[in-house]
């Protein structure tokens, strides 16, 4: 392939008729002009040619995104300066905290799209906080493919941060591809029995002030979390299923049992051995 060197910004050419093998070729698998099958044209180099077409197609897409980004940045001088300074922390923070779909959120999304590997450090810094966009950040890191993301992704995977998101198998495959980078297994102490166990064997409840977590042994102490996750009546921490004296578990018509100062009849306590929440 005389014109298909790595780093090329143009589509490869058909060796038979010299027609450009553009993005439509990835779907037809034929030369658009002479209609010869690519497998016949390139033989053992077929896979390499397909990757070349895909790479050029992605490069062209990013050029279009970058053009839209720079146009959007004209309305926000402070963000334009951050972009010029490559201060990606500004944009990862916007992505986390701006309302989905707003102009600034769209700008942050485009920045992380076109910045590629340059944005990895800023994403890792934001991902450590385990905010609401953790899965989105992880998805970007997997797409970029930088191995430096593996240790943190493994730690968050073991904690169950990505367990409720669809498509998380991509994260697992990326982590498993680098077993030598996964680091030591993280262990935490149970807030009920005090035993220290790997996070894979634990479940947690985020504290009401959003700072820190209550950790529980999944097999023995998860059902006892009512001792720490109480209601407004109990004077303990606020239960996420409590609302105006009622328990929202099930049909939501049960009076919160913790108003009597006990968790023995708590619906959360009784259902705690399930994976329903």
Foldseek 3Di string as FASTA:
>chain_A
DVQQDPPDLAQAAQPPPRAGCAPVCLVLCARPPPRHHLCVRPPVCSVVNSVSRVVNVLVVVLVVLVVVLVVLCVVPVVVVVCVVVVVLLVLLVCCQPPDPPDSSNSSSVSCLSNVQPSNLVSLLVVLVLLGPCNVVSLVSCLVSLDCVCLQVLLQCVLLVSCVPDPPCVSSVVSNVVCVVSNDDFDWDAAPPPRDIDGSNQWHWDQFPVNPDIHIHRLPPCQLVCCVADDPPLQVHTHHPQDDPQWGNPDVGPHGAPCNVVDCPVGPCSVCRNDPPD
